[in-house]
Amino acid sequence: MGRTYKRITQRGAYGEESLSKALSSLSEGMPLKTAARYHGISAKTLRRHRDGNVRTPGSVHLGRFVNKLKKE
């Protein structure tokens, strides 16, 4: 029996850094679809973060659990 985790999906693969760069590009006046294509993020995801329809805009959290231990 294998005990190593193998990621199946590509959800959230863009990372928090590219998401924050894309949001700053939007605030500077870049169109949404252009920013999404340039930073490699789905336009729908970028729109949700821009409009504030996520719990913490600008950060990537998958699932309902929050990891309380921060990696430093």
N, C-alpha and C. Protein backbone atom coordinates (compact mmCIF):
# COMPACT_ATOMS: atom_id res chain seq x y z
N MET A 1 0.84 -1.18 0.00
CA MET A 1 0.00 0.00 0.00
C MET A 1 0.88 1.24 0.00
N GLY A 2 0.60 2.11 -0.94
CA GLY A 2 1.36 3.35 -1.03
C GLY A 2 0.94 4.37 0.02
N ARG A 3 1.89 5.03 0.60
CA ARG A 3 1.60 6.02 1.64
C ARG A 3 2.01 7.42 1.23
N THR A 4 2.44 7.60 0.00
CA THR A 4 2.83 8.94 -0.45
C THR A 4 1.68 9.56 -1.22
N TYR A 5 1.47 10.83 -0.97
CA TYR A 5 0.37 11.56 -1.59
C TYR A 5 0.76 11.97 -3.01
N LYS A 6 -0.11 11.72 -3.95
CA LYS A 6 0.11 12.15 -5.31
C LYS A 6 -1.04 13.07 -5.68
N ARG A 7 -0.73 14.30 -6.00
CA ARG A 7 -1.75 15.27 -6.34
C ARG A 7 -2.41 14.89 -7.66
N ILE A 8 -3.74 14.96 -7.70
CA ILE A 8 -4.48 14.53 -8.87
C ILE A 8 -4.87 15.72 -9.75
N THR A 9 -5.22 16.84 -9.13
CA THR A 9 -5.71 17.98 -9.89
C THR A 9 -4.66 19.07 -10.00
N GLN A 10 -4.95 20.08 -10.79
CA GLN A 10 -4.09 21.25 -10.96
C GLN A 10 -4.72 22.48 -10.33
N ARG A 11 -5.71 22.30 -9.45
CA ARG A 11 -6.38 23.43 -8.82
C ARG A 11 -5.40 24.20 -7.94
N GLY A 12 -5.40 25.51 -8.07
CA GLY A 12 -4.55 26.35 -7.24
C GLY A 12 -3.08 26.28 -7.60
N ALA A 13 -2.76 25.76 -8.77
CA ALA A 13 -1.36 25.60 -9.15
C ALA A 13 -0.70 26.92 -9.49
N TYR A 14 -1.48 27.97 -9.68
CA TYR A 14 -0.91 29.27 -10.05
C TYR A 14 -0.19 29.92 -8.88
N GLY A 15 -0.58 29.67 -7.66
CA GLY A 15 0.10 30.18 -6.48
C GLY A 15 -0.35 31.57 -6.06
N GLU A 16 -0.04 31.91 -4.82
CA GLU A 16 -0.47 33.19 -4.26
C GLU A 16 0.29 34.37 -4.86
N GLU A 17 1.55 34.15 -5.22
CA GLU A 17 2.36 35.25 -5.76
C GLU A 17 1.82 35.74 -7.09
N SER A 18 1.52 34.81 -8.00
CA SER A 18 0.99 35.22 -9.31
C SER A 18 -0.42 35.79 -9.17
N LEU A 19 -1.19 35.32 -8.19
CA LEU A 19 -2.52 35.86 -7.96
C LEU A 19 -2.44 37.30 -7.47
N SER A 20 -1.52 37.58 -6.56
CA SER A 20 -1.38 38.96 -6.08
C SER A 20 -0.84 39.88 -7.17
N LYS A 21 0.05 39.37 -8.03
CA LYS A 21 0.55 40.17 -9.15
C LYS A 21 -0.57 40.47 -10.14
N ALA A 22 -1.43 39.49 -10.37
CA ALA A 22 -2.55 39.69 -11.29
C ALA A 22 -3.53 40.71 -10.73
N LEU A 23 -3.80 40.65 -9.42
CA LEU A 23 -4.70 41.62 -8.81
C LEU A 23 -4.12 43.03 -8.85
N SER A 24 -2.81 43.15 -8.69
CA SER A 24 -2.19 44.47 -8.78
C SER A 24 -2.21 44.98 -10.22
N SER A 25 -2.08 44.07 -11.19
CA SER A 25 -2.19 44.47 -12.60
C SER A 25 -3.59 44.99 -12.90
N LEU A 26 -4.60 44.36 -12.31
CA LEU A 26 -5.97 44.82 -12.51
C LEU A 26 -6.17 46.21 -11.91
N SER A 27 -5.57 46.45 -10.76
CA SER A 27 -5.73 47.77 -10.14
C SER A 27 -5.00 48.85 -10.91
N GLU A 28 -3.99 48.48 -11.69
CA GLU A 28 -3.26 49.44 -12.52
C GLU A 28 -3.97 49.72 -13.84
N GLY A 29 -5.02 48.96 -14.15
CA GLY A 29 -5.81 49.25 -15.33
C GLY A 29 -5.75 48.20 -16.42
N MET A 30 -5.07 47.08 -16.20
CA MET A 30 -5.00 46.02 -17.21
C MET A 30 -6.36 45.32 -17.28
N PRO A 31 -6.84 44.99 -18.48
CA PRO A 31 -8.10 44.27 -18.60
C PRO A 31 -8.03 42.89 -17.94
N LEU A 32 -9.16 42.41 -17.47
CA LEU A 32 -9.22 41.16 -16.71
C LEU A 32 -8.73 39.98 -17.52
N LYS A 33 -9.21 39.83 -18.74
CA LYS A 33 -8.82 38.67 -19.55
C LYS A 33 -7.34 38.70 -19.91
N THR A 34 -6.80 39.90 -20.12
CA THR A 34 -5.38 40.03 -20.44
C THR A 34 -4.54 39.65 -19.23
N ALA A 35 -4.93 40.12 -18.04
CA ALA A 35 -4.21 39.79 -16.82
C ALA A 35 -4.28 38.30 -16.53
N ALA A 36 -5.44 37.71 -16.76
CA ALA A 36 -5.60 36.27 -16.52
C ALA A 36 -4.70 35.47 -17.45
N ARG A 37 -4.67 35.82 -18.70
CA ARG A 37 -3.85 35.11 -19.68
C ARG A 37 -2.37 35.31 -19.39
N TYR A 38 -1.97 36.52 -19.02
CA TYR A 38 -0.57 36.85 -18.78
C TYR A 38 -0.03 36.12 -17.55
N HIS A 39 -0.83 36.02 -16.49
CA HIS A 39 -0.37 35.42 -15.24
C HIS A 39 -0.74 33.94 -15.11
N GLY A 40 -1.48 33.39 -16.06
CA GLY A 40 -1.81 31.97 -16.06
C GLY A 40 -2.87 31.57 -15.06
N ILE A 41 -3.84 32.45 -14.86
CA ILE A 41 -4.92 32.20 -13.92
C ILE A 41 -6.23 32.21 -14.69
N SER A 42 -7.17 31.40 -14.28
CA SER A 42 -8.48 31.40 -14.90
C SER A 42 -9.15 32.77 -14.72
N ALA A 43 -9.81 33.25 -15.76
CA ALA A 43 -10.46 34.56 -15.69
C ALA A 43 -11.58 34.56 -14.65
N LYS A 44 -12.28 33.46 -14.53
CA LYS A 44 -13.35 33.35 -13.54
C LYS A 44 -12.80 33.43 -12.12
N THR A 45 -11.68 32.78 -11.87
CA THR A 45 -11.05 32.83 -10.55
C THR A 45 -10.58 34.24 -10.24
N LEU A 46 -9.95 34.87 -11.20
CA LEU A 46 -9.45 36.24 -11.01
C LEU A 46 -10.61 37.21 -10.77
N ARG A 47 -11.73 37.00 -11.45
CA ARG A 47 -12.91 37.84 -11.26
C ARG A 47 -13.48 37.68 -9.84
N ARG A 48 -13.52 36.44 -9.33
CA ARG A 48 -14.02 36.21 -7.98
C ARG A 48 -13.15 36.89 -6.93
N HIS A 49 -11.84 36.85 -7.12
CA HIS A 49 -10.94 37.50 -6.17
C HIS A 49 -11.02 39.02 -6.28
N ARG A 50 -11.18 39.53 -7.48
CA ARG A 50 -11.30 40.98 -7.68
C ARG A 50 -12.57 41.52 -7.03
N ASP A 51 -13.67 40.80 -7.18
CA ASP A 51 -14.95 41.26 -6.66
C ASP A 51 -15.12 40.99 -5.18
N GLY A 52 -14.22 40.23 -4.57
CA GLY A 52 -14.30 39.94 -3.15
C GLY A 52 -15.29 38.85 -2.80
N ASN A 53 -15.57 37.95 -3.73
CA ASN A 53 -16.52 36.87 -3.48
C ASN A 53 -15.87 35.64 -2.85
N VAL A 54 -14.63 35.76 -2.43
CA VAL A 54 -13.95 34.67 -1.73
C VAL A 54 -13.68 35.11 -0.30
N ARG A 55 -13.45 34.16 0.56
CA ARG A 55 -13.29 34.47 1.98
C ARG A 55 -12.06 35.34 2.23
N THR A 56 -10.93 35.01 1.61
CA THR A 56 -9.72 35.82 1.76
C THR A 56 -9.17 36.11 0.36
N PRO A 57 -9.54 37.24 -0.23
CA PRO A 57 -9.06 37.57 -1.57
C PRO A 57 -7.54 37.69 -1.62
N GLY A 58 -6.95 37.14 -2.66
CA GLY A 58 -5.51 37.22 -2.83
C GLY A 58 -4.75 36.05 -2.25
N SER A 59 -5.44 35.07 -1.68
CA SER A 59 -4.76 33.90 -1.15
C SER A 59 -5.43 32.64 -1.68
N VAL A 60 -4.66 31.56 -1.72
CA VAL A 60 -5.14 30.30 -2.26
C VAL A 60 -5.41 29.34 -1.12
N HIS A 61 -6.66 28.92 -0.96
CA HIS A 61 -7.04 27.92 0.03
C HIS A 61 -7.94 26.92 -0.66
N LEU A 62 -7.57 25.67 -0.62
CA LEU A 62 -8.38 24.61 -1.21
C LEU A 62 -9.02 23.80 -0.09
N GLY A 63 -10.29 23.57 -0.17
CA GLY A 63 -10.99 22.81 0.84
C GLY A 63 -11.52 23.69 1.95
N ARG A 64 -12.14 23.05 2.93
CA ARG A 64 -12.76 23.83 3.99
C ARG A 64 -11.87 23.98 5.21
N PHE A 65 -10.79 23.24 5.31
CA PHE A 65 -9.92 23.29 6.47
C PHE A 65 -8.79 24.28 6.27
N VAL A 66 -8.42 24.98 7.34
CA VAL A 66 -7.34 25.94 7.28
C VAL A 66 -6.18 25.40 8.10
N ASN A 67 -5.00 25.38 7.50
CA ASN A 67 -3.82 24.91 8.19
C ASN A 67 -3.36 25.99 9.16
N LYS A 68 -3.35 25.67 10.45
CA LYS A 68 -3.00 26.67 11.47
C LYS A 68 -1.48 26.80 11.63
N LEU A 69 -0.73 25.86 11.11
CA LEU A 69 0.72 25.95 11.18
C LEU A 69 1.23 26.67 9.95
N LYS A 70 1.97 27.73 10.16
CA LYS A 70 2.50 28.50 9.03
C LYS A 70 3.93 28.08 8.76
N LYS A 71 4.25 27.89 7.51
CA LYS A 71 5.61 27.57 7.12
C LYS A 71 6.38 28.87 6.99
N GLU A 72 7.51 28.93 7.62
CA GLU A 72 8.31 30.15 7.59
C GLU A 72 9.65 29.89 6.95
